Amino acid sequence: MGGTISAVSSNGTYSFSKPNRESITLLAGFGVEGDVHGGATVKHRFRMRKDPSQPNLRQVHLIHEELFEDVRRAGFEVAAGELGENVTTRGVDLLTLPRGTRLRLGETAVVEVTGLRNPCAQIDGFRKGLMKQVVDRDENGRPRFLSGIMGVVVTGGVVRPGDAVEIDLPSGPHEPLDIV
């Protein structure tokens, strides 16, 4: 069970999109080296205003490349890095992974899944109407967020497009992902 990395992205300044890179370096307890969202404490501007001392559970943002195909069918062109993700995967159903899942990215890097990325209004600023494509409803009418997952770096390493993604599910009862 696993997939591949189709793109890696980072940005040293606050910007909605992140340029693609040949590689990124993940640092344990920090996130992506040189990325504005890296750090032990929260770096997301909205969350920093609420409590800048809270732990950063959003060190690495991962999106499944299949999302881009889904939104393309609805008339939206979106490419890797444009929704602000650091790692774009292929062949991994990220949204169904339980909290605590460990993803081995490349040879040595390990990211532990902490939760869902909540889509924000900037998505509609990027492409008007796109927000409706990344928020769905379940059978009970509750929102389902499709814009990727977040994680923390457990073990660092260099990650490149083409690298494998291996999945290590947590033992015990699995907890579904919630927004972090």
C-alpha atoms as a PDB file:
ATOM      1  CA  MET A   1       0.000   0.000   0.000  1.00  0.00           C
ATOM      2  CA  GLY A   2       1.565   3.259  -1.098  1.00  0.00           C
ATOM      3  CA  GLY A   3       2.135   5.628  -3.944  1.00  0.00           C
ATOM      4  CA  THR A   4       4.609   8.145  -5.286  1.00  0.00           C
ATOM      5  CA  ILE A   5       5.511  11.784  -4.901  1.00  0.00           C
ATOM      6  CA  SER A   6       4.674  13.730  -8.042  1.00  0.00           C
ATOM      7  CA  ALA A   7       5.922  17.166  -6.895  1.00  0.00           C
ATOM      8  CA  VAL A   8       7.513  18.977  -3.962  1.00  0.00           C
ATOM      9  CA  SER A   9       7.103  22.680  -3.230  1.00  0.00           C
ATOM     10  CA  SER A  10       8.211  25.309  -0.728  1.00  0.00           C
ATOM     11  CA  ASN A  11       8.226  29.052  -0.253  1.00  0.00           C
ATOM     12  CA  GLY A  12      10.228  31.183   2.159  1.00  0.00           C
ATOM     13  CA  THR A  13       7.627  33.969   2.133  1.00  0.00           C
ATOM     14  CA  TYR A  14       3.907  34.031   2.844  1.00  0.00           C
ATOM     15  CA  SER A  15       2.122  33.394  -0.425  1.00  0.00           C
ATOM     16  CA  PHE A  16      -0.848  31.206  -1.274  1.00  0.00           C
ATOM     17  CA  SER A  17       1.017  29.122  -3.839  1.00  0.00           C
ATOM     18  CA  LYS A  18       4.433  27.496  -3.483  1.00  0.00           C
ATOM     19  CA  PRO A  19       6.865  27.022  -6.378  1.00  0.00           C
ATOM     20  CA  ASN A  20       7.851  23.477  -7.302  1.00  0.00           C
ATOM     21  CA  ARG A  21      11.383  22.397  -6.409  1.00  0.00           C
ATOM     22  CA  GLU A  22      13.741  19.645  -7.497  1.00  0.00           C
ATOM     23  CA  SER A  23      13.812  18.526  -3.858  1.00  0.00           C
ATOM     24  CA  ILE A  24      12.869  19.668  -0.373  1.00  0.00           C
ATOM     25  CA  THR A  25      14.542  18.793   2.900  1.00  0.00           C
ATOM     26  CA  LEU A  26      12.313  17.809   5.803  1.00  0.00           C
ATOM     27  CA  LEU A  27      13.685  18.564   9.269  1.00  0.00           C
ATOM     28  CA  ALA A  28      12.455  16.630  12.324  1.00  0.00           C
ATOM     29  CA  GLY A  29      10.223  18.742  14.566  1.00  0.00           C
ATOM     30  CA  PHE A  30      10.377  21.659  12.134  1.00  0.00           C
ATOM     31  CA  GLY A  31       8.915  20.885   8.707  1.00  0.00           C
ATOM     32  CA  VAL A  32      10.266  21.927   5.327  1.00  0.00           C
ATOM     33  CA  GLU A  33      13.659  23.651   5.452  1.00  0.00           C
ATOM     34  CA  GLY A  34      13.300  27.237   4.277  1.00  0.00           C
ATOM     35  CA  ASP A  35       9.495  27.144   4.159  1.00  0.00           C
ATOM     36  CA  VAL A  36       7.583  29.942   5.867  1.00  0.00           C
ATOM     37  CA  HIS A  37       5.312  27.412   7.644  1.00  0.00           C
ATOM     38  CA  GLY A  38       8.191  25.484   9.232  1.00  0.00           C
ATOM     39  CA  GLY A  39       8.788  25.598  12.971  1.00  0.00           C
ATOM     40  CA  ALA A  40       7.968  23.919  16.259  1.00  0.00           C
ATOM     41  CA  THR A  41       5.212  26.450  16.979  1.00  0.00           C
ATOM     42  CA  VAL A  42       2.364  27.418  14.665  1.00  0.00           C
ATOM     43  CA  LYS A  43       3.257  29.581  11.640  1.00  0.00           C
ATOM     44  CA  HIS A  44      -0.156  29.899   9.985  1.00  0.00           C
ATOM     45  CA  ARG A  45      -0.956  33.615  10.297  1.00  0.00           C
ATOM     46  CA  PHE A  46      -4.569  33.171  11.470  1.00  0.00           C
ATOM     47  CA  ARG A  47      -3.542  30.652  14.134  1.00  0.00           C
ATOM     48  CA  MET A  48      -0.599  32.802  15.253  1.00  0.00           C
ATOM     49  CA  ARG A  49      -3.021  35.652  16.029  1.00  0.00           C
ATOM     50  CA  LYS A  50      -5.034  33.311  18.266  1.00  0.00           C
ATOM     51  CA  ASP A  51      -2.094  31.719  20.115  1.00  0.00           C
ATOM     52  CA  PRO A  52       1.464  31.875  18.714  1.00  0.00           C
ATOM     53  CA  SER A  53       2.744  29.384  21.303  1.00  0.00           C
ATOM     54  CA  GLN A  54       0.604  26.432  20.185  1.00  0.00           C
ATOM     55  CA  PRO A  55       2.459  23.482  18.637  1.00  0.00           C
ATOM     56  CA  ASN A  56       2.744  23.437  14.863  1.00  0.00           C
ATOM     57  CA  LEU A  57       0.678  20.472  13.708  1.00  0.00           C
ATOM     58  CA  ARG A  58       0.819  21.857  10.153  1.00  0.00           C
ATOM     59  CA  GLN A  59       4.554  21.541   9.367  1.00  0.00           C
ATOM     60  CA  VAL A  60       3.955  19.707   6.089  1.00  0.00           C
ATOM     61  CA  HIS A  61       0.922  20.017   3.794  1.00  0.00           C
ATOM     62  CA  LEU A  62       0.210  17.082   1.478  1.00  0.00           C
ATOM     63  CA  ILE A  63      -2.338  16.955  -1.359  1.00  0.00           C
ATOM     64  CA  HIS A  64      -3.292  14.047  -3.584  1.00  0.00           C
ATOM     65  CA  GLU A  65      -2.707  14.852  -7.259  1.00  0.00           C
ATOM     66  CA  GLU A  66      -6.024  13.198  -8.094  1.00  0.00           C
ATOM     67  CA  LEU A  67      -7.760  16.278  -6.614  1.00  0.00           C
ATOM     68  CA  PHE A  68      -6.413  18.342  -9.520  1.00  0.00           C
ATOM     69  CA  GLU A  69      -8.058  15.919 -11.971  1.00  0.00           C
ATOM     70  CA  ASP A  70     -11.365  16.204 -10.082  1.00  0.00           C
ATOM     71  CA  VAL A  71     -11.375  20.020 -10.141  1.00  0.00           C
ATOM     72  CA  ARG A  72     -10.270  20.024 -13.805  1.00  0.00           C
ATOM     73  CA  ARG A  73     -13.476  18.154 -14.693  1.00  0.00           C
ATOM     74  CA  ALA A  74     -15.341  21.058 -13.038  1.00  0.00           C
ATOM     75  CA  GLY A  75     -13.457  23.568 -15.207  1.00  0.00           C
ATOM     76  CA  PHE A  76     -10.584  24.588 -12.898  1.00  0.00           C
ATOM     77  CA  GLU A  77      -6.916  24.315 -13.823  1.00  0.00           C
ATOM     78  CA  VAL A  78      -4.777  23.690 -10.748  1.00  0.00           C
ATOM     79  CA  ALA A  79      -1.203  22.419 -10.693  1.00  0.00           C
ATOM     80  CA  ALA A  80       1.075  21.058  -7.985  1.00  0.00           C
ATOM     81  CA  GLY A  81       2.052  23.685  -5.399  1.00  0.00           C
ATOM     82  CA  GLU A  82      -0.673  26.118  -6.391  1.00  0.00           C
ATOM     83  CA  LEU A  83      -2.862  25.270  -3.377  1.00  0.00           C
ATOM     84  CA  GLY A  84       0.083  25.782  -1.037  1.00  0.00           C
ATOM     85  CA  GLU A  85       1.037  22.164  -0.483  1.00  0.00           C
ATOM     86  CA  ASN A  86       4.581  20.994   0.123  1.00  0.00           C
ATOM     87  CA  VAL A  87       4.153  17.433  -1.131  1.00  0.00           C
ATOM     88  CA  THR A  88       1.891  16.294  -3.958  1.00  0.00           C
ATOM     89  CA  THR A  89       1.233  12.548  -3.975  1.00  0.00           C
ATOM     90  CA  ARG A  90      -0.171  10.098  -6.490  1.00  0.00           C
ATOM     91  CA  GLY A  91      -1.890   6.816  -5.645  1.00  0.00           C
ATOM     92  CA  VAL A  92      -2.406   7.494  -1.918  1.00  0.00           C
ATOM     93  CA  ASP A  93      -5.908   8.103  -0.532  1.00  0.00           C
ATOM     94  CA  LEU A  94      -4.655  10.718   1.919  1.00  0.00           C
ATOM     95  CA  LEU A  95      -8.081  11.810   3.143  1.00  0.00           C
ATOM     96  CA  THR A  96      -8.990   8.371   4.506  1.00  0.00           C
ATOM     97  CA  LEU A  97      -5.801   7.869   6.518  1.00  0.00           C
ATOM     98  CA  PRO A  98      -6.298   7.826  10.287  1.00  0.00           C
ATOM     99  CA  ARG A  99      -4.600  10.302  12.583  1.00  0.00           C
ATOM    100  CA  GLY A 100      -1.167   9.080  13.589  1.00  0.00           C
ATOM    101  CA  THR A 101      -0.449   7.364  10.270  1.00  0.00           C
ATOM    102  CA  ARG A 102       3.228   7.615   9.400  1.00  0.00           C
ATOM    103  CA  LEU A 103       4.202   8.286   5.819  1.00  0.00           C
ATOM    104  CA  ARG A 104       7.714   7.397   4.710  1.00  0.00           C
ATOM    105  CA  LEU A 105       8.648   9.824   1.966  1.00  0.00           C
ATOM    106  CA  GLY A 106      11.680   8.836  -0.053  1.00  0.00           C
ATOM    107  CA  GLU A 107      14.550   7.015   1.608  1.00  0.00           C
ATOM    108  CA  THR A 108      14.454   8.379   5.164  1.00  0.00           C
ATOM    109  CA  ALA A 109      11.849  11.102   5.793  1.00  0.00           C
ATOM    110  CA  VAL A 110       8.838  10.244   7.962  1.00  0.00           C
ATOM    111  CA  VAL A 111       5.788  12.501   8.392  1.00  0.00           C
ATOM    112  CA  GLU A 112       3.106  11.737  10.977  1.00  0.00           C
ATOM    113  CA  VAL A 113      -0.403  12.711   9.880  1.00  0.00           C
ATOM    114  CA  THR A 114      -2.045  15.151  12.309  1.00  0.00           C
ATOM    115  CA  GLY A 115      -5.250  16.119  10.519  1.00  0.00           C
ATOM    116  CA  LEU A 116      -7.062  17.755   7.642  1.00  0.00           C
ATOM    117  CA  ARG A 117      -6.249  21.061   6.035  1.00  0.00           C
ATOM    118  CA  ASN A 118      -9.225  23.346   6.320  1.00  0.00           C
ATOM    119  CA  PRO A 119      -9.792  25.192   3.070  1.00  0.00           C
ATOM    120  CA  CYS A 120      -9.803  28.964   3.472  1.00  0.00           C
ATOM    121  CA  ALA A 121     -11.201  31.897   1.521  1.00  0.00           C
ATOM    122  CA  GLN A 122      -7.843  32.305  -0.234  1.00  0.00           C
ATOM    123  CA  ILE A 123      -8.825  29.325  -2.395  1.00  0.00           C
ATOM    124  CA  ASP A 124     -11.583  31.401  -4.006  1.00  0.00           C
ATOM    125  CA  GLY A 125      -9.115  34.285  -4.287  1.00  0.00           C
ATOM    126  CA  PHE A 126      -6.858  31.966  -6.275  1.00  0.00           C
ATOM    127  CA  ARG A 127      -9.667  30.661  -8.537  1.00  0.00           C
ATOM    128  CA  LYS A 128     -13.182  32.038  -8.004  1.00  0.00           C
ATOM    129  CA  GLY A 129     -15.575  29.168  -7.242  1.00  0.00           C
ATOM    130  CA  LEU A 130     -12.826  26.642  -6.455  1.00  0.00           C
ATOM    131  CA  MET A 131     -13.791  26.498  -2.759  1.00  0.00           C
ATOM    132  CA  LYS A 132     -17.004  24.641  -3.669  1.00  0.00           C
ATOM    133  CA  GLN A 133     -14.882  21.992  -5.366  1.00  0.00           C
ATOM    134  CA  VAL A 134     -12.691  21.298  -2.321  1.00  0.00           C
ATOM    135  CA  VAL A 135     -15.524  21.159   0.232  1.00  0.00           C
ATOM    136  CA  ASP A 136     -18.004  18.327  -0.202  1.00  0.00           C
ATOM    137  CA  ARG A 137     -20.831  17.010   2.019  1.00  0.00           C
ATOM    138  CA  ASP A 138     -21.154  13.540   3.515  1.00  0.00           C
ATOM    139  CA  GLU A 139     -24.403  11.559   3.671  1.00  0.00           C
ATOM    140  CA  ASN A 140     -25.390  13.476   6.846  1.00  0.00           C
ATOM    141  CA  GLY A 141     -24.733  16.888   5.312  1.00  0.00           C
ATOM    142  CA  ARG A 142     -21.521  17.492   7.266  1.00  0.00           C
ATOM    143  CA  PRO A 143     -18.685  19.159   5.360  1.00  0.00           C
ATOM    144  CA  ARG A 144     -15.896  16.967   3.969  1.00  0.00           C
ATOM    145  CA  PHE A 145     -12.667  18.848   3.355  1.00  0.00           C
ATOM    146  CA  LEU A 146     -10.781  17.639   0.281  1.00  0.00           C
ATOM    147  CA  SER A 147      -7.831  20.057   0.184  1.00  0.00           C
ATOM    148  CA  GLY A 148      -5.237  17.758   1.699  1.00  0.00           C
ATOM    149  CA  ILE A 149      -3.800  16.728   5.025  1.00  0.00           C
ATOM    150  CA  MET A 150      -1.254  18.108   7.448  1.00  0.00           C
ATOM    151  CA  GLY A 151       1.564  16.427   9.317  1.00  0.00           C
ATOM    152  CA  VAL A 152       4.659  16.839  11.447  1.00  0.00           C
ATOM    153  CA  VAL A 153       8.137  15.627  10.566  1.00  0.00           C
ATOM    154  CA  VAL A 154       9.267  12.727  12.762  1.00  0.00           C
ATOM    155  CA  THR A 155      12.426  11.879  10.798  1.00  0.00           C
ATOM    156  CA  GLY A 156      14.083  14.243   8.374  1.00  0.00           C
ATOM    157  CA  GLY A 157      15.383  13.633   4.898  1.00  0.00           C
ATOM    158  CA  VAL A 158      15.467  14.817   1.319  1.00  0.00           C
ATOM    159  CA  VAL A 159      12.272  14.296  -0.698  1.00  0.00           C
ATOM    160  CA  ARG A 160      12.037  14.421  -4.502  1.00  0.00           C
ATOM    161  CA  PRO A 161       9.449  13.858  -7.206  1.00  0.00           C
ATOM    162  CA  GLY A 162       9.401  10.179  -8.099  1.00  0.00           C
ATOM    163  CA  ASP A 163      10.156   9.057  -4.538  1.00  0.00           C
ATOM    164  CA  ALA A 164       7.965   6.369  -3.023  1.00  0.00           C
ATOM    165  CA  VAL A 165       5.337   6.991  -0.346  1.00  0.00           C
ATOM    166  CA  GLU A 166       4.996   4.118   2.114  1.00  0.00           C
ATOM    167  CA  ILE A 167       2.130   4.004   4.614  1.00  0.00           C
ATOM    168  CA  ASP A 168       2.423   2.769   8.201  1.00  0.00           C
ATOM    169  CA  LEU A 169      -0.982   2.753   9.876  1.00  0.00           C
ATOM    170  CA  PRO A 170      -1.127   3.235  13.653  1.00  0.00           C
ATOM    171  CA  SER A 171      -1.992   0.286  15.869  1.00  0.00           C
ATOM    172  CA  GLY A 172      -5.190   0.200  17.869  1.00  0.00           C
ATOM    173  CA  PRO A 173      -8.427   1.893  17.003  1.00  0.00           C
ATOM    174  CA  HIS A 174      -8.054   4.356  14.154  1.00  0.00           C
ATOM    175  CA  GLU A 175      -9.080   7.970  14.746  1.00  0.00           C
ATOM    176  CA  PRO A 176     -10.546   9.791  11.741  1.00  0.00           C
ATOM    177  CA  LEU A 177      -8.913  13.017  10.648  1.00  0.00           C
ATOM    178  CA  ASP A 178     -10.252  16.346  11.857  1.00  0.00           C
ATOM    179  CA  ILE A 179      -9.167  19.878  11.035  1.00  0.00           C
ATOM    180  CA  VAL A 180      -5.859  21.046  12.552  1.00  0.00           C
END
